[in-house]
Amino acid sequence: MSRSADDRLIELETRMTWQEDALNVLGAEIQRQQRLIEQLEQRLKALGDRLTAADEPVFRGTARDEIPPHW
């Protein structure tokens, strides 16, 4: 038994509606994840900057000032 053209058209329109909804949901999720990635990148950069600042030497004298007192 073959289906009528109207039945096939209704089925295709229904599928298309579900697919459009799925694309909208996926698009919103991609946007949310992109915002999260950007926030994490900013935090990572801030932490990297803090590590770089922490690696700077505290002693700012000359090499002669670093000689131990018993020499």
PDB file of N, CA and C in Angstrom:
ATOM      1  N   MET A   1       0.845  -1.162   0.000  1.00  0.00           N
ATOM      2  CA  MET A   1       0.000   0.000   0.000  1.00  0.00           C
ATOM      3  C   MET A   1       0.904   1.244   0.000  1.00  0.00           C
ATOM      4  N   SER A   2       0.722   2.105  -0.952  1.00  0.00           N
ATOM      5  CA  SER A   2       1.552   3.300  -1.032  1.00  0.00           C
ATOM      6  C   SER A   2       0.898   4.444  -0.265  1.00  0.00           C
ATOM      7  N   ARG A   3       1.755   5.259   0.288  1.00  0.00           N
ATOM      8  CA  ARG A   3       1.234   6.387   1.038  1.00  0.00           C
ATOM      9  C   ARG A   3       0.943   7.528   0.073  1.00  0.00           C
ATOM     10  N   SER A   4       0.042   8.352   0.469  1.00  0.00           N
ATOM     11  CA  SER A   4      -0.305   9.481  -0.391  1.00  0.00           C
ATOM     12  C   SER A   4       0.771  10.560  -0.304  1.00  0.00           C
ATOM     13  N   ALA A   5       0.783  11.431  -1.274  1.00  0.00           N
ATOM     14  CA  ALA A   5       1.742  12.523  -1.301  1.00  0.00           C
ATOM     15  C   ALA A   5       1.542  13.426  -0.091  1.00  0.00           C
ATOM     16  N   ASP A   6       0.303  13.610   0.339  1.00  0.00           N
ATOM     17  CA  ASP A   6       0.037  14.439   1.520  1.00  0.00           C
ATOM     18  C   ASP A   6       0.663  13.846   2.770  1.00  0.00           C
ATOM     19  N   ASP A   7       0.560  12.522   2.927  1.00  0.00           N
ATOM     20  CA  ASP A   7       1.155  11.861   4.098  1.00  0.00           C
ATOM     21  C   ASP A   7       2.678  12.033   4.099  1.00  0.00           C
ATOM     22  N   ARG A   8       3.284  11.858   2.931  1.00  0.00           N
ATOM     23  CA  ARG A   8       4.737  12.002   2.829  1.00  0.00           C
ATOM     24  C   ARG A   8       5.155  13.455   3.105  1.00  0.00           C
ATOM     25  N   LEU A   9       4.387  14.386   2.603  1.00  0.00           N
ATOM     26  CA  LEU A   9       4.688  15.796   2.834  1.00  0.00           C
ATOM     27  C   LEU A   9       4.586  16.138   4.316  1.00  0.00           C
ATOM     28  N   ILE A  10       3.558  15.648   4.971  1.00  0.00           N
ATOM     29  CA  ILE A  10       3.395  15.878   6.417  1.00  0.00           C
ATOM     30  C   ILE A  10       4.570  15.277   7.182  1.00  0.00           C
ATOM     31  N   GLU A  11       4.979  14.075   6.809  1.00  0.00           N
ATOM     32  CA  GLU A  11       6.107  13.429   7.481  1.00  0.00           C
ATOM     33  C   GLU A  11       7.387  14.234   7.277  1.00  0.00           C
ATOM     34  N   LEU A  12       7.627  14.706   6.069  1.00  0.00           N
ATOM     35  CA  LEU A  12       8.820  15.512   5.805  1.00  0.00           C
ATOM     36  C   LEU A  12       8.797  16.831   6.564  1.00  0.00           C
ATOM     37  N   GLU A  13       7.647  17.471   6.621  1.00  0.00           N
ATOM     38  CA  GLU A  13       7.538  18.725   7.369  1.00  0.00           C
ATOM     39  C   GLU A  13       7.757  18.495   8.857  1.00  0.00           C
ATOM     40  N   THR A  14       7.256  17.379   9.351  1.00  0.00           N
ATOM     41  CA  THR A  14       7.457  17.041  10.764  1.00  0.00           C
ATOM     42  C   THR A  14       8.930  16.810  11.050  1.00  0.00           C
ATOM     43  N   ARG A  15       9.598  16.055  10.186  1.00  0.00           N
ATOM     44  CA  ARG A  15      11.032  15.811  10.354  1.00  0.00           C
ATOM     45  C   ARG A  15      11.818  17.119  10.314  1.00  0.00           C
ATOM     46  N   MET A  16      11.473  17.978   9.365  1.00  0.00           N
ATOM     47  CA  MET A  16      12.165  19.244   9.229  1.00  0.00           C
ATOM     48  C   MET A  16      11.984  20.100  10.489  1.00  0.00           C
ATOM     49  N   THR A  17      10.803  20.091  11.067  1.00  0.00           N
ATOM     50  CA  THR A  17      10.547  20.856  12.287  1.00  0.00           C
ATOM     51  C   THR A  17      11.422  20.349  13.428  1.00  0.00           C
ATOM     52  N   TRP A  18      11.496  19.023  13.584  1.00  0.00           N
ATOM     53  CA  TRP A  18      12.340  18.446  14.637  1.00  0.00           C
ATOM     54  C   TRP A  18      13.809  18.779  14.404  1.00  0.00           C
ATOM     55  N   GLN A  19      14.239  18.720  13.146  1.00  0.00           N
ATOM     56  CA  GLN A  19      15.634  19.021  12.840  1.00  0.00           C
ATOM     57  C   GLN A  19      15.954  20.492  13.098  1.00  0.00           C
ATOM     58  N   GLU A  20      15.048  21.381  12.758  1.00  0.00           N
ATOM     59  CA  GLU A  20      15.262  22.797  13.040  1.00  0.00           C
ATOM     60  C   GLU A  20      15.370  23.041  14.541  1.00  0.00           C
ATOM     61  N   ASP A  21      14.519  22.369  15.303  1.00  0.00           N
ATOM     62  CA  ASP A  21      14.573  22.506  16.761  1.00  0.00           C
ATOM     63  C   ASP A  21      15.910  21.985  17.292  1.00  0.00           C
ATOM     64  N   ALA A  22      16.344  20.843  16.782  1.00  0.00           N
ATOM     65  CA  ALA A  22      17.618  20.272  17.221  1.00  0.00           C
ATOM     66  C   ALA A  22      18.770  21.214  16.878  1.00  0.00           C
ATOM     67  N   LEU A  23      18.744  21.815  15.695  1.00  0.00           N
ATOM     68  CA  LEU A  23      19.791  22.764  15.308  1.00  0.00           C
ATOM     69  C   LEU A  23      19.796  23.988  16.222  1.00  0.00           C
ATOM     70  N   ASN A  24      18.633  24.470  16.585  1.00  0.00           N
ATOM     71  CA  ASN A  24      18.550  25.618  17.492  1.00  0.00           C
ATOM     72  C   ASN A  24      19.124  25.269  18.863  1.00  0.00           C
ATOM     73  N   VAL A  25      18.791  24.095  19.363  1.00  0.00           N
ATOM     74  CA  VAL A  25      19.311  23.659  20.668  1.00  0.00           C
ATOM     75  C   VAL A  25      20.829  23.511  20.602  1.00  0.00           C
ATOM     76  N   LEU A  26      21.321  22.880  19.539  1.00  0.00           N
ATOM     77  CA  LEU A  26      22.771  22.696  19.396  1.00  0.00           C
ATOM     78  C   LEU A  26      23.488  24.041  19.234  1.00  0.00           C
ATOM     79  N   GLY A  27      22.887  24.953  18.490  1.00  0.00           N
ATOM     80  CA  GLY A  27      23.488  26.277  18.317  1.00  0.00           C
ATOM     81  C   GLY A  27      23.589  27.024  19.641  1.00  0.00           C
ATOM     82  N   ALA A  28      22.547  26.939  20.448  1.00  0.00           N
ATOM     83  CA  ALA A  28      22.568  27.593  21.764  1.00  0.00           C
ATOM     84  C   ALA A  28      23.635  26.965  22.658  1.00  0.00           C
ATOM     85  N   GLU A  29      23.790  25.660  22.576  1.00  0.00           N
ATOM     86  CA  GLU A  29      24.802  24.972  23.383  1.00  0.00           C
ATOM     87  C   GLU A  29      26.212  25.373  22.936  1.00  0.00           C
ATOM     88  N   ILE A  30      26.412  25.502  21.647  1.00  0.00           N
ATOM     89  CA  ILE A  30      27.718  25.926  21.137  1.00  0.00           C
ATOM     90  C   ILE A  30      28.033  27.334  21.620  1.00  0.00           C
ATOM     91  N   GLN A  31      27.062  28.224  21.601  1.00  0.00           N
ATOM     92  CA  GLN A  31      27.279  29.583  22.096  1.00  0.00           C
ATOM     93  C   GLN A  31      27.635  29.577  23.579  1.00  0.00           C
ATOM     94  N   ARG A  32      26.931  28.767  24.367  1.00  0.00           N
ATOM     95  CA  ARG A  32      27.209  28.678  25.803  1.00  0.00           C
ATOM     96  C   ARG A  32      28.628  28.168  26.037  1.00  0.00           C
ATOM     97  N   GLN A  33      29.013  27.129  25.303  1.00  0.00           N
ATOM     98  CA  GLN A  33      30.347  26.568  25.462  1.00  0.00           C
ATOM     99  C   GLN A  33      31.423  27.553  25.017  1.00  0.00           C
ATOM    100  N   GLN A  34      31.160  28.317  23.970  1.00  0.00           N
ATOM    101  CA  GLN A  34      32.134  29.310  23.515  1.00  0.00           C
ATOM    102  C   GLN A  34      32.344  30.378  24.574  1.00  0.00           C
ATOM    103  N   ARG A  35      31.255  30.831  25.207  1.00  0.00           N
ATOM    104  CA  ARG A  35      31.397  31.822  26.290  1.00  0.00           C
ATOM    105  C   ARG A  35      32.220  31.234  27.434  1.00  0.00           C
ATOM    106  N   LEU A  36      31.956  29.984  27.775  1.00  0.00           N
ATOM    107  CA  LEU A  36      32.698  29.325  28.848  1.00  0.00           C
ATOM    108  C   LEU A  36      34.177  29.199  28.485  1.00  0.00           C
ATOM    109  N   ILE A  37      34.469  28.833  27.247  1.00  0.00           N
ATOM    110  CA  ILE A  37      35.864  28.723  26.804  1.00  0.00           C
ATOM    111  C   ILE A  37      36.554  30.071  26.920  1.00  0.00           C
ATOM    112  N   GLU A  38      35.890  31.137  26.508  1.00  0.00           N
ATOM    113  CA  GLU A  38      36.487  32.469  26.589  1.00  0.00           C
ATOM    114  C   GLU A  38      36.750  32.867  28.043  1.00  0.00           C
ATOM    115  N   GLN A  39      35.815  32.542  28.943  1.00  0.00           N
ATOM    116  CA  GLN A  39      36.023  32.842  30.365  1.00  0.00           C
ATOM    117  C   GLN A  39      37.210  32.053  30.916  1.00  0.00           C
ATOM    118  N   LEU A  40      37.295  30.784  30.549  1.00  0.00           N
ATOM    119  CA  LEU A  40      38.394  29.949  31.024  1.00  0.00           C
ATOM    120  C   LEU A  40      39.733  30.428  30.467  1.00  0.00           C
ATOM    121  N   GLU A  41      39.743  30.872  29.220  1.00  0.00           N
ATOM    122  CA  GLU A  41      40.977  31.409  28.645  1.00  0.00           C
ATOM    123  C   GLU A  41      41.430  32.655  29.402  1.00  0.00           C
ATOM    124  N   GLN A  42      40.488  33.521  29.771  1.00  0.00           N
ATOM    125  CA  GLN A  42      40.831  34.718  30.537  1.00  0.00           C
ATOM    126  C   GLN A  42      41.397  34.345  31.899  1.00  0.00           C
ATOM    127  N   ARG A  43      40.771  33.375  32.554  1.00  0.00           N
ATOM    128  CA  ARG A  43      41.256  32.950  33.871  1.00  0.00           C
ATOM    129  C   ARG A  43      42.638  32.314  33.761  1.00  0.00           C
ATOM    130  N   LEU A  44      42.840  31.521  32.720  1.00  0.00           N
ATOM    131  CA  LEU A  44      44.133  30.875  32.519  1.00  0.00           C
ATOM    132  C   LEU A  44      45.220  31.916  32.270  1.00  0.00           C
ATOM    133  N   LYS A  45      44.908  32.930  31.478  1.00  0.00           N
ATOM    134  CA  LYS A  45      45.873  33.999  31.227  1.00  0.00           C
ATOM    135  C   LYS A  45      46.200  34.728  32.527  1.00  0.00           C
ATOM    136  N   ALA A  46      45.175  35.011  33.330  1.00  0.00           N
ATOM    137  CA  ALA A  46      45.405  35.699  34.604  1.00  0.00           C
ATOM    138  C   ALA A  46      46.298  34.851  35.514  1.00  0.00           C
ATOM    139  N   LEU A  47      46.059  33.560  35.550  1.00  0.00           N
ATOM    140  CA  LEU A  47      46.900  32.678  36.373  1.00  0.00           C
ATOM    141  C   LEU A  47      48.322  32.627  35.835  1.00  0.00           C
ATOM    142  N   GLY A  48      48.457  32.584  34.517  1.00  0.00           N
ATOM    143  CA  GLY A  48      49.787  32.601  33.915  1.00  0.00           C
ATOM    144  C   GLY A  48      50.534  33.885  34.248  1.00  0.00           C
ATOM    145  N   ASP A  49      49.818  35.004  34.205  1.00  0.00           N
ATOM    146  CA  ASP A  49      50.430  36.283  34.560  1.00  0.00           C
ATOM    147  C   ASP A  49      50.874  36.282  36.019  1.00  0.00           C
ATOM    148  N   ARG A  50      50.048  35.712  36.878  1.00  0.00           N
ATOM    149  CA  ARG A  50      50.417  35.649  38.302  1.00  0.00           C
ATOM    150  C   ARG A  50      51.644  34.764  38.502  1.00  0.00           C
ATOM    151  N   LEU A  51      51.712  33.640  37.774  1.00  0.00           N
ATOM    152  CA  LEU A  51      52.884  32.767  37.890  1.00  0.00           C
ATOM    153  C   LEU A  51      54.135  33.467  37.390  1.00  0.00           C
ATOM    154  N   THR A  52      54.001  34.177  36.296  1.00  0.00           N
ATOM    155  CA  THR A  52      55.149  34.910  35.764  1.00  0.00           C
ATOM    156  C   THR A  52      55.634  35.945  36.776  1.00  0.00           C
ATOM    157  N   ALA A  53      54.705  36.645  37.378  1.00  0.00           N
ATOM    158  CA  ALA A  53      55.064  37.649  38.378  1.00  0.00           C
ATOM    159  C   ALA A  53      55.697  36.983  39.602  1.00  0.00           C
ATOM    160  N   ALA A  54      55.229  35.803  39.958  1.00  0.00           N
ATOM    161  CA  ALA A  54      55.766  35.105  41.128  1.00  0.00           C
ATOM    162  C   ALA A  54      57.166  34.560  40.850  1.00  0.00           C
ATOM    163  N   ASP A  55      57.502  34.311  39.590  1.00  0.00           N
ATOM    164  CA  ASP A  55      58.817  33.778  39.239  1.00  0.00           C
ATOM    165  C   ASP A  55      59.899  34.846  39.200  1.00  0.00           C
ATOM    166  N   GLU A  56      59.510  36.105  39.266  1.00  0.00           N
ATOM    167  CA  GLU A  56      60.505  37.163  39.257  1.00  0.00           C
ATOM    168  C   GLU A  56      61.321  37.091  40.543  1.00  0.00           C
ATOM    169  N   PRO A  57      62.607  37.304  40.428  1.00  0.00           N
ATOM    170  CA  PRO A  57      63.448  37.220  41.630  1.00  0.00           C
ATOM    171  C   PRO A  57      63.099  38.327  42.620  1.00  0.00           C
ATOM    172  N   VAL A  58      63.126  37.973  43.873  1.00  0.00           N
ATOM    173  CA  VAL A  58      62.839  38.936  44.920  1.00  0.00           C
ATOM    174  C   VAL A  58      64.068  39.811  45.160  1.00  0.00           C
ATOM    175  N   PHE A  59      65.252  39.199  45.096  1.00  0.00           N
ATOM    176  CA  PHE A  59      66.504  39.917  45.324  1.00  0.00           C
ATOM    177  C   PHE A  59      66.837  40.737  44.081  1.00  0.00           C
ATOM    178  N   ARG A  60      67.049  41.999  44.252  1.00  0.00           N
ATOM    179  CA  ARG A  60      67.330  42.862  43.107  1.00  0.00           C
ATOM    180  C   ARG A  60      68.721  43.498  43.204  1.00  0.00           C
ATOM    181  N   GLY A  61      69.615  42.884  43.966  1.00  0.00           N
ATOM    182  CA  GLY A  61      70.967  43.415  44.110  1.00  0.00           C
ATOM    183  C   GLY A  61      71.860  42.974  42.966  1.00  0.00           C
ATOM    184  N   THR A  62      73.163  43.150  43.148  1.00  0.00           N
ATOM    185  CA  THR A  62      74.141  42.755  42.133  1.00  0.00           C
ATOM    186  C   THR A  62      74.657  41.363  42.459  1.00  0.00           C
ATOM    187  N   ALA A  63      75.418  40.813  41.529  1.00  0.00           N
ATOM    188  CA  ALA A  63      76.007  39.489  41.755  1.00  0.00           C
ATOM    189  C   ALA A  63      76.964  39.535  42.951  1.00  0.00           C
ATOM    190  N   ARG A  64      77.661  40.649  43.157  1.00  0.00           N
ATOM    191  CA  ARG A  64      78.586  40.780  44.283  1.00  0.00           C
ATOM    192  C   ARG A  64      77.836  40.695  45.601  1.00  0.00           C
ATOM    193  N   ASP A  65      76.615  41.192  45.632  1.00  0.00           N
ATOM    194  CA  ASP A  65      75.819  41.149  46.858  1.00  0.00           C
ATOM    195  C   ASP A  65      75.371  39.730  47.208  1.00  0.00           C
ATOM    196  N   GLU A  66      75.451  38.830  46.255  1.00  0.00           N
ATOM    197  CA  GLU A  66      75.010  37.455  46.498  1.00  0.00           C
ATOM    198  C   GLU A  66      76.091  36.561  47.076  1.00  0.00           C
ATOM    199  N   ILE A  67      77.330  37.054  47.175  1.00  0.00           N
ATOM    200  CA  ILE A  67      78.430  36.244  47.713  1.00  0.00           C
ATOM    201  C   ILE A  67      78.153  36.003  49.206  1.00  0.00           C
ATOM    202  N   PRO A  68      78.255  34.758  49.647  1.00  0.00           N
ATOM    203  CA  PRO A  68      78.013  34.466  51.049  1.00  0.00           C
ATOM    204  C   PRO A  68      79.008  35.237  51.948  1.00  0.00           C
ATOM    205  N   PRO A  69      78.611  35.573  53.151  1.00  0.00           N
ATOM    206  CA  PRO A  69      79.436  36.393  54.026  1.00  0.00           C
ATOM    207  C   PRO A  69      80.773  35.738  54.411  1.00  0.00           C
ATOM    208  N   HIS A  70      80.889  34.419  54.356  1.00  0.00           N
ATOM    209  CA  HIS A  70      82.141  33.773  54.791  1.00  0.00           C
ATOM    210  C   HIS A  70      83.213  33.808  53.729  1.00  0.00           C
ATOM    211  N   TRP A  71      83.007  34.368  52.580  1.00  0.00           N
ATOM    212  CA  TRP A  71      84.035  34.436  51.536  1.00  0.00           C
ATOM    213  C   TRP A  71      84.874  35.615  51.687  1.00  0.00           C
TER     214      TRP A  71
END
